[in-house]
Amino acid sequence: MPPEPPPPVPTLPVHDHLLPYAGRLEPRDPARIDLVVIHCTELPDLATAREYGERIVHPASGTGNSGHFYIDRDGSVHRYVPLDRVAHHVRDWNARSLGIELVNTGRYPDWWDSRRQEMNEPYPAAQTGALVGLLARLARECPGLRWITGHEDLDTGLVDATDAPGASVRRKRDPGPMFPWDEVLARIPLRRLAPGPGAPRPL
């Protein structure tokens, strides 16, 4: 028997809540975007993630660190940065990518404690379903979009552990082991980027 078709991609609204500094971010042509980077917020809720995104951490430009889209646990989708602006969400890869943040506690509040590196919160079906719907929409809006990867795949740096002098932990581990890669990849027209020879490079 032929395989069953994948479930239909849901149509979902995107709520615009642009960050105050969005207009100061570097402009770009969305046609240059060929990569989606999946993050988790490693914060308790969307309100805390918003507060973090509004912080000015790059004084020269008056901007902060943020993804383009945030997906809450209930599946609601929020746009913080338009696609025609370069958001600061991943080292070295910002110019060619867009960032999607999934609300998830991750290692919060002990990000760099070597004893607290587990990431045990599952991603709800409503959240991953909304992600699939958003990715389908973005594939239509950004014809150059080909790749998807996790923040942890691109930022492999280490930082000093806060609990143990001389020890180190991964700077970024998101979206982490609970993210359902196989399920998501089966439903989207993008390929997972695996850094290495022949892979796309930072712009």
Protein backbone atom coordinates (compact mmCIF):
# COMPACT_ATOMS: atom_id res chain seq x y z
CA MET A 1 0.00 0.00 0.00
CA PRO A 2 1.26 3.55 -0.66
CA PRO A 3 2.39 5.49 2.42
CA GLU A 4 -0.18 7.70 4.08
CA PRO A 5 0.18 11.40 3.19
CA PRO A 6 1.48 13.66 5.94
CA PRO A 7 -1.15 15.51 7.95
CA PRO A 8 -2.21 18.86 6.48
CA VAL A 9 -0.19 21.90 7.47
CA PRO A 10 -2.27 24.12 9.75
CA THR A 11 -3.02 27.72 8.84
CA LEU A 12 -2.07 29.93 11.74
CA PRO A 13 -2.10 33.63 12.53
CA VAL A 14 1.12 35.46 13.30
CA HIS A 15 0.81 38.24 15.87
CA ASP A 16 3.09 41.22 15.28
CA HIS A 17 4.76 42.55 18.42
CA LEU A 18 7.88 44.14 16.94
CA LEU A 19 10.67 45.01 19.33
CA PRO A 20 11.20 48.75 19.92
CA TYR A 21 14.60 48.63 18.23
CA ALA A 22 13.57 46.49 15.24
CA GLY A 23 13.98 49.42 12.85
CA ARG A 24 17.60 49.88 13.96
CA LEU A 25 18.63 46.34 13.04
CA GLU A 26 20.63 45.90 9.84
CA PRO A 27 18.36 45.73 6.77
CA ARG A 28 18.57 42.82 4.33
CA ASP A 29 16.80 41.25 1.37
CA PRO A 30 14.71 38.28 2.63
CA ALA A 31 15.75 36.47 -0.55
CA ARG A 32 19.17 36.01 1.10
CA ILE A 33 17.68 33.84 3.85
CA ASP A 34 18.46 30.16 3.34
CA LEU A 35 18.58 28.86 6.93
CA VAL A 36 16.21 28.57 9.90
CA VAL A 37 17.78 28.24 13.36
CA ILE A 38 15.60 26.64 16.02
CA HIS A 39 16.11 27.91 19.57
CA CYS A 40 14.42 27.49 22.88
CA THR A 41 14.17 30.46 25.17
CA GLU A 42 15.54 28.71 28.28
CA LEU A 43 13.23 31.03 30.21
CA PRO A 44 10.00 30.29 32.09
CA ASP A 45 7.47 32.09 29.91
CA LEU A 46 6.91 34.37 26.92
CA ALA A 47 6.72 37.54 29.05
CA THR A 48 10.21 36.90 30.42
CA ALA A 49 11.51 36.19 26.92
CA ARG A 50 10.04 39.48 25.74
CA GLU A 51 11.69 41.38 28.57
CA TYR A 52 15.01 39.75 27.71
CA GLY A 53 14.61 40.58 24.01
CA GLU A 54 13.96 44.25 24.77
CA ARG A 55 17.25 44.66 26.64
CA ILE A 56 19.82 46.77 24.82
CA VAL A 57 23.05 44.75 24.81
CA HIS A 58 24.69 46.27 21.71
CA PRO A 59 25.08 49.95 22.69
CA ALA A 60 26.61 51.04 19.39
CA SER A 61 23.47 50.11 17.48
CA GLY A 62 20.96 50.36 20.33
CA THR A 63 19.78 46.79 19.75
CA GLY A 64 19.52 43.51 21.65
CA ASN A 65 19.43 39.75 21.16
CA SER A 66 16.24 38.18 19.83
CA GLY A 67 14.78 35.71 17.40
CA HIS A 68 12.42 36.74 14.61
CA PHE A 69 9.51 34.59 15.80
CA TYR A 70 8.47 33.22 19.20
CA ILE A 71 6.10 30.28 19.63
CA ASP A 72 4.46 29.90 23.02
CA ARG A 73 3.49 26.58 24.57
CA ASP A 74 -0.13 27.06 23.44
CA GLY A 75 0.96 27.36 19.80
CA SER A 76 0.53 31.12 19.46
CA VAL A 77 3.09 32.71 17.15
CA HIS A 78 4.57 36.16 17.75
CA ARG A 79 6.81 38.14 15.39
CA TYR A 80 9.39 40.31 17.16
CA VAL A 81 11.66 41.13 14.20
CA PRO A 82 10.64 41.38 10.51
CA LEU A 83 12.40 39.14 8.01
CA ASP A 84 13.96 42.12 6.25
CA ARG A 85 16.07 42.85 9.35
CA VAL A 86 19.04 40.87 10.68
CA ALA A 87 18.28 39.72 14.23
CA HIS A 88 21.02 38.86 16.73
CA HIS A 89 20.18 35.25 17.57
CA VAL A 90 23.19 33.06 16.67
CA ARG A 91 26.90 33.79 16.43
CA ASP A 92 28.27 34.22 12.88
CA TRP A 93 25.13 33.04 11.03
CA ASN A 94 22.72 35.96 11.49
CA ALA A 95 23.03 37.49 8.02
CA ARG A 96 21.72 34.41 6.20
CA SER A 97 19.30 33.05 8.79
CA LEU A 98 16.09 33.61 10.67
CA GLY A 99 15.61 32.58 14.28
CA ILE A 100 12.59 30.85 15.79
CA GLU A 101 12.39 30.70 19.57
CA LEU A 102 10.23 28.09 21.32
CA VAL A 103 9.18 28.94 24.86
CA ASN A 104 10.77 26.21 26.99
CA THR A 105 12.56 26.33 30.35
CA GLY A 106 15.66 24.47 29.15
CA ARG A 107 18.29 24.81 31.88
CA TYR A 108 16.69 27.86 33.51
CA PRO A 109 17.76 29.32 35.91
CA ASP A 110 21.05 27.40 36.23
CA TRP A 111 22.24 27.59 32.62
CA TRP A 112 25.92 27.09 33.36
CA ASP A 113 25.82 24.98 36.52
CA SER A 114 27.50 21.69 35.58
CA ARG A 115 25.02 19.81 37.79
CA ARG A 116 21.96 21.29 36.05
CA GLN A 117 22.51 20.60 32.36
CA GLU A 118 19.44 18.43 31.80
CA MET A 119 16.75 19.79 29.50
CA ASN A 120 13.66 17.82 30.42
CA GLU A 121 10.65 19.92 29.40
CA PRO A 122 8.86 18.36 26.40
CA TYR A 123 7.63 20.48 23.51
CA PRO A 124 3.79 20.38 23.42
CA ALA A 125 2.02 19.20 20.28
CA ALA A 126 0.40 22.63 19.89
CA GLN A 127 3.82 24.26 19.86
CA THR A 128 5.44 21.87 17.37
CA GLY A 129 2.35 21.96 15.18
CA ALA A 130 2.52 25.74 15.06
CA LEU A 131 6.22 25.50 14.21
CA VAL A 132 5.44 23.25 11.24
CA GLY A 133 2.78 25.68 10.05
CA LEU A 134 5.12 28.64 10.40
CA LEU A 135 7.91 26.85 8.53
CA ALA A 136 5.55 26.05 5.66
CA ARG A 137 4.56 29.71 5.48
CA LEU A 138 8.19 30.86 5.59
CA ALA A 139 9.14 28.43 2.82
CA ARG A 140 6.60 30.22 0.61
CA GLU A 141 7.72 33.71 1.63
CA CYS A 142 11.48 33.02 1.38
CA PRO A 143 12.12 31.12 -1.86
CA GLY A 144 15.81 30.64 -1.00
CA LEU A 145 15.04 28.82 2.26
CA ARG A 146 16.59 25.34 2.18
CA TRP A 147 18.09 24.49 5.56
CA ILE A 148 17.09 24.10 9.20
CA THR A 149 19.30 23.48 12.22
CA GLY A 150 19.47 23.88 15.97
CA HIS A 151 21.26 26.63 17.87
CA GLU A 152 23.41 23.95 19.52
CA ASP A 153 24.62 22.78 16.10
CA LEU A 154 26.08 26.20 15.22
CA ASP A 155 27.24 27.58 18.58
CA THR A 156 29.43 24.87 20.08
CA GLY A 157 31.41 27.15 22.40
CA LEU A 158 32.13 26.42 26.05
CA VAL A 159 31.87 28.68 29.10
CA ASP A 160 33.19 28.31 32.62
CA ALA A 161 30.83 26.41 34.90
CA THR A 162 29.41 28.56 37.67
CA ASP A 163 29.67 25.82 40.30
CA ALA A 164 33.07 24.25 39.65
CA PRO A 165 36.30 26.17 39.01
CA GLY A 166 38.12 24.67 36.04
CA ALA A 167 35.03 22.94 34.65
CA SER A 168 33.18 24.06 31.53
CA VAL A 169 29.74 23.55 29.99
CA ARG A 170 28.18 24.16 26.59
CA ARG A 171 27.19 27.78 26.02
CA LYS A 172 24.15 26.70 24.02
CA ARG A 173 22.27 23.41 24.10
CA ASP A 174 18.99 24.43 22.54
CA PRO A 175 16.59 23.25 21.36
CA GLY A 176 17.95 20.23 23.21
CA PRO A 177 17.19 16.51 23.38
CA MET A 178 13.43 16.88 23.83
CA PHE A 179 12.93 18.59 20.47
CA PRO A 180 11.20 16.14 18.04
CA TRP A 181 13.47 16.53 15.02
CA ASP A 182 12.22 13.45 13.15
CA GLU A 183 8.58 14.49 13.49
CA VAL A 184 9.22 18.05 12.34
CA LEU A 185 11.53 17.15 9.44
CA ALA A 186 8.97 14.67 8.09
CA ARG A 187 6.45 17.50 7.69
CA ILE A 188 8.50 20.35 6.20
CA PRO A 189 10.29 21.00 2.88
CA LEU A 190 13.64 21.80 4.52
CA ARG A 191 16.76 19.71 5.14
CA ARG A 192 18.64 19.63 8.43
CA LEU A 193 22.03 21.29 8.16
CA ALA A 194 24.84 19.23 9.64
CA PRO A 195 27.97 21.40 9.97
CA GLY A 196 31.02 19.88 8.31
CA PRO A 197 32.71 19.65 4.89
CA GLY A 198 30.37 20.79 2.13
CA ALA A 199 27.87 22.42 4.49
CA PRO A 200 26.83 26.06 4.06
CA ARG A 201 29.13 28.50 5.82
CA PRO A 202 28.46 31.75 7.66
CA LEU A 203 28.11 34.87 5.52
